Amino acid sequence: MNYDLNEDAYQLLEVSESYVSRLCTLLDEIIVPLCRHLAPRLADNLVLGVLGTVSKRLEVSLKKCRFTALGALSLDSDMRDLIHYAKDRLGSNEFNSSNVALCNACTPLSRLLQIAKLMNLDDVEDVLDLISSSKRKGNWDLSMEDSKVYLCLRVEFEADLVSQLLKVVDEE
């Protein structure tokens, strides 16, 4: 897992298999045989439980990474791959109809998507708009402290400015 990417590393990553793709392949080796023997609702619950656990572990690992703008793009791609994987493995049309239903069913997965959104901001000052509009829609699970931690991992963002901006959001 590397998101501290320059141009060359990003191009190399684009043509190789990502860790999320490998993770999904390995999860299939475990989940698919089990799901064959379960009722559809139980199989969906198993998949959601496994995705929740995987998402929590990924979130912890992300806190140990540094991110460039290209790395943030790569993270976004990885999270989209994980969402696509989840939708493919869930038998219920309820979860396959939209990302919102899937994210409501699996909050840890939703948090990963929010982290990817945070990391993909072009300008750190856009964090105010992102968090406040997401909170109004009722789909923001990250605390201000978590948001601050992740934004400070972005190489281009100054930690002092991040702290100052998130203090304003926290007071609203």
C-alpha atoms as a PDB file:
ATOM      1  CA  MET A   1       0.000   0.000   0.000  1.00  0.00           C
ATOM      2  CA  ASN A   2       1.762   3.103  -1.262  1.00  0.00           C
ATOM      3  CA  TYR A   3       0.102   6.426  -1.974  1.00  0.00           C
ATOM      4  CA  ASP A   4       3.191   8.624  -1.891  1.00  0.00           C
ATOM      5  CA  LEU A   5       3.373   8.545  -5.691  1.00  0.00           C
ATOM      6  CA  ASN A   6       5.238  10.581  -8.254  1.00  0.00           C
ATOM      7  CA  GLU A   7       4.421  10.532 -11.995  1.00  0.00           C
ATOM      8  CA  ASP A   8       6.482   7.438 -12.761  1.00  0.00           C
ATOM      9  CA  ALA A   9       5.166   5.448  -9.791  1.00  0.00           C
ATOM     10  CA  TYR A  10       1.588   6.407 -10.683  1.00  0.00           C
ATOM     11  CA  GLN A  11       2.008   5.262 -14.293  1.00  0.00           C
ATOM     12  CA  LEU A  12       3.519   1.982 -13.136  1.00  0.00           C
ATOM     13  CA  LEU A  13       0.631   1.478 -10.726  1.00  0.00           C
ATOM     14  CA  GLU A  14      -1.879   2.092 -13.517  1.00  0.00           C
ATOM     15  CA  VAL A  15      -0.600  -0.883 -15.511  1.00  0.00           C
ATOM     16  CA  SER A  16      -0.161  -3.277 -12.588  1.00  0.00           C
ATOM     17  CA  GLU A  17      -2.609  -5.064 -10.328  1.00  0.00           C
ATOM     18  CA  SER A  18      -3.496  -3.041  -7.253  1.00  0.00           C
ATOM     19  CA  TYR A  19      -3.485  -4.417  -3.723  1.00  0.00           C
ATOM     20  CA  VAL A  20      -7.280  -4.005  -3.654  1.00  0.00           C
ATOM     21  CA  SER A  21      -7.616  -6.271  -6.690  1.00  0.00           C
ATOM     22  CA  ARG A  22      -5.448  -8.886  -4.990  1.00  0.00           C
ATOM     23  CA  LEU A  23      -7.413  -8.442  -1.768  1.00  0.00           C
ATOM     24  CA  CYS A  24     -10.699  -8.991  -3.594  1.00  0.00           C
ATOM     25  CA  THR A  25      -9.357 -12.121  -5.263  1.00  0.00           C
ATOM     26  CA  LEU A  26      -8.276 -13.516  -1.900  1.00  0.00           C
ATOM     27  CA  LEU A  27     -11.603 -12.607  -0.304  1.00  0.00           C
ATOM     28  CA  ASP A  28     -13.382 -14.492  -3.082  1.00  0.00           C
ATOM     29  CA  GLU A  29     -11.417 -17.607  -2.210  1.00  0.00           C
ATOM     30  CA  ILE A  30     -12.854 -17.421   1.291  1.00  0.00           C
ATOM     31  CA  ILE A  31     -16.330 -15.950   0.785  1.00  0.00           C
ATOM     32  CA  VAL A  32     -17.651 -17.571  -2.393  1.00  0.00           C
ATOM     33  CA  PRO A  33     -17.513 -21.197  -1.146  1.00  0.00           C
ATOM     34  CA  LEU A  34     -19.246 -20.177   2.089  1.00  0.00           C
ATOM     35  CA  CYS A  35     -21.947 -18.146   0.382  1.00  0.00           C
ATOM     36  CA  ARG A  36     -22.908 -21.085  -1.832  1.00  0.00           C
ATOM     37  CA  HIS A  37     -24.220 -22.875   1.255  1.00  0.00           C
ATOM     38  CA  LEU A  38     -26.076 -19.944   2.803  1.00  0.00           C
ATOM     39  CA  ALA A  39     -29.475 -18.412   2.204  1.00  0.00           C
ATOM     40  CA  PRO A  40     -29.209 -15.168   0.196  1.00  0.00           C
ATOM     41  CA  ARG A  41     -29.862 -12.891   3.176  1.00  0.00           C
ATOM     42  CA  LEU A  42     -27.251 -14.706   5.292  1.00  0.00           C
ATOM     43  CA  ALA A  43     -24.764 -14.620   2.420  1.00  0.00           C
ATOM     44  CA  ASP A  44     -25.266 -10.856   2.104  1.00  0.00           C
ATOM     45  CA  ASN A  45     -24.752 -10.441   5.849  1.00  0.00           C
ATOM     46  CA  LEU A  46     -21.547 -12.465   5.645  1.00  0.00           C
ATOM     47  CA  VAL A  47     -20.238 -10.340   2.772  1.00  0.00           C
ATOM     48  CA  LEU A  48     -21.152  -7.107   4.585  1.00  0.00           C
ATOM     49  CA  GLY A  49     -19.500  -8.346   7.785  1.00  0.00           C
ATOM     50  CA  VAL A  50     -16.299  -9.285   5.991  1.00  0.00           C
ATOM     51  CA  LEU A  51     -16.269  -5.970   4.099  1.00  0.00           C
ATOM     52  CA  GLY A  52     -16.785  -4.110   7.370  1.00  0.00           C
ATOM     53  CA  THR A  53     -13.811  -5.833   8.952  1.00  0.00           C
ATOM     54  CA  VAL A  54     -11.634  -5.338   5.875  1.00  0.00           C
ATOM     55  CA  SER A  55     -12.627  -1.668   5.702  1.00  0.00           C
ATOM     56  CA  LYS A  56     -11.707  -1.074   9.338  1.00  0.00           C
ATOM     57  CA  ARG A  57      -8.287  -2.651   8.800  1.00  0.00           C
ATOM     58  CA  LEU A  58      -7.712  -0.631   5.648  1.00  0.00           C
ATOM     59  CA  GLU A  59      -8.612   2.551   7.490  1.00  0.00           C
ATOM     60  CA  VAL A  60      -6.007   1.817  10.165  1.00  0.00           C
ATOM     61  CA  SER A  61      -3.407   1.105   7.470  1.00  0.00           C
ATOM     62  CA  LEU A  62      -4.214   4.319   5.612  1.00  0.00           C
ATOM     63  CA  LYS A  63      -3.295   6.327   8.712  1.00  0.00           C
ATOM     64  CA  LYS A  64       0.281   5.083   8.255  1.00  0.00           C
ATOM     65  CA  CYS A  65       0.596   6.335   4.651  1.00  0.00           C
ATOM     66  CA  ARG A  66       1.597   9.628   3.122  1.00  0.00           C
ATOM     67  CA  PHE A  67      -0.403  10.874   0.150  1.00  0.00           C
ATOM     68  CA  THR A  68       0.426  12.932  -2.892  1.00  0.00           C
ATOM     69  CA  ALA A  69      -2.265  14.208  -5.264  1.00  0.00           C
ATOM     70  CA  LEU A  70      -1.595  11.221  -7.535  1.00  0.00           C
ATOM     71  CA  GLY A  71      -1.729   8.902  -4.547  1.00  0.00           C
ATOM     72  CA  ALA A  72      -5.135  10.342  -3.649  1.00  0.00           C
ATOM     73  CA  LEU A  73      -6.352   9.530  -7.167  1.00  0.00           C
ATOM     74  CA  SER A  74      -5.063   6.007  -6.728  1.00  0.00           C
ATOM     75  CA  LEU A  75      -6.868   5.703  -3.381  1.00  0.00           C
ATOM     76  CA  ASP A  76     -10.103   6.834  -5.014  1.00  0.00           C
ATOM     77  CA  SER A  77      -9.690   4.203  -7.716  1.00  0.00           C
ATOM     78  CA  ASP A  78      -8.988   1.532  -5.106  1.00  0.00           C
ATOM     79  CA  MET A  79     -12.091   2.452  -3.103  1.00  0.00           C
ATOM     80  CA  ARG A  80     -14.234   2.387  -6.254  1.00  0.00           C
ATOM     81  CA  ASP A  81     -12.860  -1.087  -6.989  1.00  0.00           C
ATOM     82  CA  LEU A  82     -13.811  -2.195  -3.477  1.00  0.00           C
ATOM     83  CA  ILE A  83     -17.353  -0.814  -3.905  1.00  0.00           C
ATOM     84  CA  HIS A  84     -17.649  -2.570  -7.261  1.00  0.00           C
ATOM     85  CA  TYR A  85     -16.475  -5.808  -5.679  1.00  0.00           C
ATOM     86  CA  ALA A  86     -19.029  -5.439  -2.881  1.00  0.00           C
ATOM     87  CA  LYS A  87     -21.871  -4.845  -5.297  1.00  0.00           C
ATOM     88  CA  ASP A  88     -20.864  -7.854  -7.386  1.00  0.00           C
ATOM     89  CA  ARG A  89     -20.832 -10.146  -4.351  1.00  0.00           C
ATOM     90  CA  LEU A  90     -24.120  -9.046  -2.855  1.00  0.00           C
ATOM     91  CA  GLY A  91     -27.113 -10.951  -4.122  1.00  0.00           C
ATOM     92  CA  SER A  92     -29.717  -8.471  -2.943  1.00  0.00           C
ATOM     93  CA  ASN A  93     -30.881  -5.819  -5.383  1.00  0.00           C
ATOM     94  CA  GLU A  94     -31.423  -3.585  -2.357  1.00  0.00           C
ATOM     95  CA  PHE A  95     -27.662  -3.074  -2.004  1.00  0.00           C
ATOM     96  CA  ASN A  96     -26.850  -3.169  -5.709  1.00  0.00           C
ATOM     97  CA  SER A  97     -29.186  -0.334  -6.641  1.00  0.00           C
ATOM     98  CA  SER A  98     -26.953   2.443  -5.312  1.00  0.00           C
ATOM     99  CA  ASN A  99     -23.760   3.180  -3.420  1.00  0.00           C
ATOM    100  CA  VAL A 100     -25.855   4.927  -0.757  1.00  0.00           C
ATOM    101  CA  ALA A 101     -27.703   1.731   0.186  1.00  0.00           C
ATOM    102  CA  LEU A 102     -24.439  -0.193   0.311  1.00  0.00           C
ATOM    103  CA  CYS A 103     -22.727   2.485   2.406  1.00  0.00           C
ATOM    104  CA  ASN A 104     -25.680   2.660   4.802  1.00  0.00           C
ATOM    105  CA  ALA A 105     -25.443  -1.109   5.232  1.00  0.00           C
ATOM    106  CA  CYS A 106     -21.665  -1.003   5.799  1.00  0.00           C
ATOM    107  CA  THR A 107     -20.553   2.138   7.639  1.00  0.00           C
ATOM    108  CA  PRO A 108     -16.823   1.223   7.605  1.00  0.00           C
ATOM    109  CA  LEU A 109     -16.964   1.099   3.802  1.00  0.00           C
ATOM    110  CA  SER A 110     -18.690   4.468   3.792  1.00  0.00           C
ATOM    111  CA  ARG A 111     -15.893   5.890   5.930  1.00  0.00           C
ATOM    112  CA  LEU A 112     -13.305   4.705   3.386  1.00  0.00           C
ATOM    113  CA  LEU A 113     -15.162   6.530   0.630  1.00  0.00           C
ATOM    114  CA  GLN A 114     -15.253   9.674   2.756  1.00  0.00           C
ATOM    115  CA  ILE A 115     -11.510   9.408   3.359  1.00  0.00           C
ATOM    116  CA  ALA A 116     -10.961   9.095  -0.395  1.00  0.00           C
ATOM    117  CA  LYS A 117     -13.074  12.228  -0.944  1.00  0.00           C
ATOM    118  CA  LEU A 118     -11.050  14.117   1.654  1.00  0.00           C
ATOM    119  CA  MET A 119      -7.748  13.046   0.181  1.00  0.00           C
ATOM    120  CA  ASN A 120      -8.824  14.068  -3.328  1.00  0.00           C
ATOM    121  CA  LEU A 121      -9.485  17.697  -2.515  1.00  0.00           C
ATOM    122  CA  ASP A 122      -7.553  19.980  -4.834  1.00  0.00           C
ATOM    123  CA  ASP A 123      -7.340  22.718  -2.239  1.00  0.00           C
ATOM    124  CA  VAL A 124      -7.376  22.216   1.524  1.00  0.00           C
ATOM    125  CA  GLU A 125      -9.824  25.112   1.847  1.00  0.00           C
ATOM    126  CA  ASP A 126     -12.443  23.029   0.021  1.00  0.00           C
ATOM    127  CA  VAL A 127     -12.703  20.843   3.116  1.00  0.00           C
ATOM    128  CA  LEU A 128     -15.277  23.234   4.584  1.00  0.00           C
ATOM    129  CA  ASP A 129     -17.637  22.786   1.643  1.00  0.00           C
ATOM    130  CA  LEU A 130     -17.165  19.028   1.472  1.00  0.00           C
ATOM    131  CA  ILE A 131     -17.831  18.323   5.140  1.00  0.00           C
ATOM    132  CA  SER A 132     -20.694  20.769   5.615  1.00  0.00           C
ATOM    133  CA  SER A 133     -22.539  19.684   2.452  1.00  0.00           C
ATOM    134  CA  SER A 134     -22.039  15.995   3.328  1.00  0.00           C
ATOM    135  CA  LYS A 135     -23.268  16.581   6.880  1.00  0.00           C
ATOM    136  CA  ARG A 136     -26.393  18.316   5.549  1.00  0.00           C
ATOM    137  CA  LYS A 137     -27.083  15.251   3.392  1.00  0.00           C
ATOM    138  CA  GLY A 138     -26.546  13.033   6.439  1.00  0.00           C
ATOM    139  CA  ASN A 139     -23.683  11.032   4.959  1.00  0.00           C
ATOM    140  CA  TRP A 140     -20.593  12.049   6.899  1.00  0.00           C
ATOM    141  CA  ASP A 141     -19.300   9.631   9.526  1.00  0.00           C
ATOM    142  CA  LEU A 142     -15.770  10.917  10.056  1.00  0.00           C
ATOM    143  CA  SER A 143     -15.103  12.953  13.163  1.00  0.00           C
ATOM    144  CA  MET A 144     -13.242  16.230  12.868  1.00  0.00           C
ATOM    145  CA  GLU A 145     -10.246  14.596  14.502  1.00  0.00           C
ATOM    146  CA  ASP A 146     -10.226  11.766  11.963  1.00  0.00           C
ATOM    147  CA  SER A 147     -10.618  14.250   9.118  1.00  0.00           C
ATOM    148  CA  LYS A 148      -7.710  16.261  10.463  1.00  0.00           C
ATOM    149  CA  VAL A 149      -5.491  13.183  10.764  1.00  0.00           C
ATOM    150  CA  TYR A 150      -6.155  12.148   7.161  1.00  0.00           C
ATOM    151  CA  LEU A 151      -5.789  15.617   5.677  1.00  0.00           C
ATOM    152  CA  CYS A 152      -2.447  16.033   7.445  1.00  0.00           C
ATOM    153  CA  LEU A 153      -1.207  12.921   5.612  1.00  0.00           C
ATOM    154  CA  ARG A 154      -1.557  14.755   2.314  1.00  0.00           C
ATOM    155  CA  VAL A 155       1.912  16.032   1.385  1.00  0.00           C
ATOM    156  CA  GLU A 156       0.631  19.250  -0.184  1.00  0.00           C
ATOM    157  CA  PHE A 157      -1.512  20.329   2.790  1.00  0.00           C
ATOM    158  CA  GLU A 158      -0.054  22.273   5.702  1.00  0.00           C
ATOM    159  CA  ALA A 159      -0.989  20.812   9.087  1.00  0.00           C
ATOM    160  CA  ASP A 160      -1.544  24.262  10.650  1.00  0.00           C
ATOM    161  CA  LEU A 161      -4.006  25.294   7.944  1.00  0.00           C
ATOM    162  CA  VAL A 162      -5.836  21.966   8.227  1.00  0.00           C
ATOM    163  CA  SER A 163      -6.189  22.406  12.001  1.00  0.00           C
ATOM    164  CA  GLN A 164      -7.388  25.962  11.602  1.00  0.00           C
ATOM    165  CA  LEU A 165      -9.991  25.079   8.973  1.00  0.00           C
ATOM    166  CA  LEU A 166     -11.366  22.076  10.846  1.00  0.00           C
ATOM    167  CA  LYS A 167     -11.695  24.125  14.000  1.00  0.00           C
ATOM    168  CA  VAL A 168     -14.095  26.377  12.065  1.00  0.00           C
ATOM    169  CA  VAL A 169     -16.138  23.396  10.848  1.00  0.00           C
ATOM    170  CA  ASP A 170     -16.241  21.897  14.347  1.00  0.00           C
ATOM    171  CA  GLU A 171     -17.673  25.128  15.758  1.00  0.00           C
ATOM    172  CA  GLU A 172     -20.574  25.192  13.253  1.00  0.00           C
END
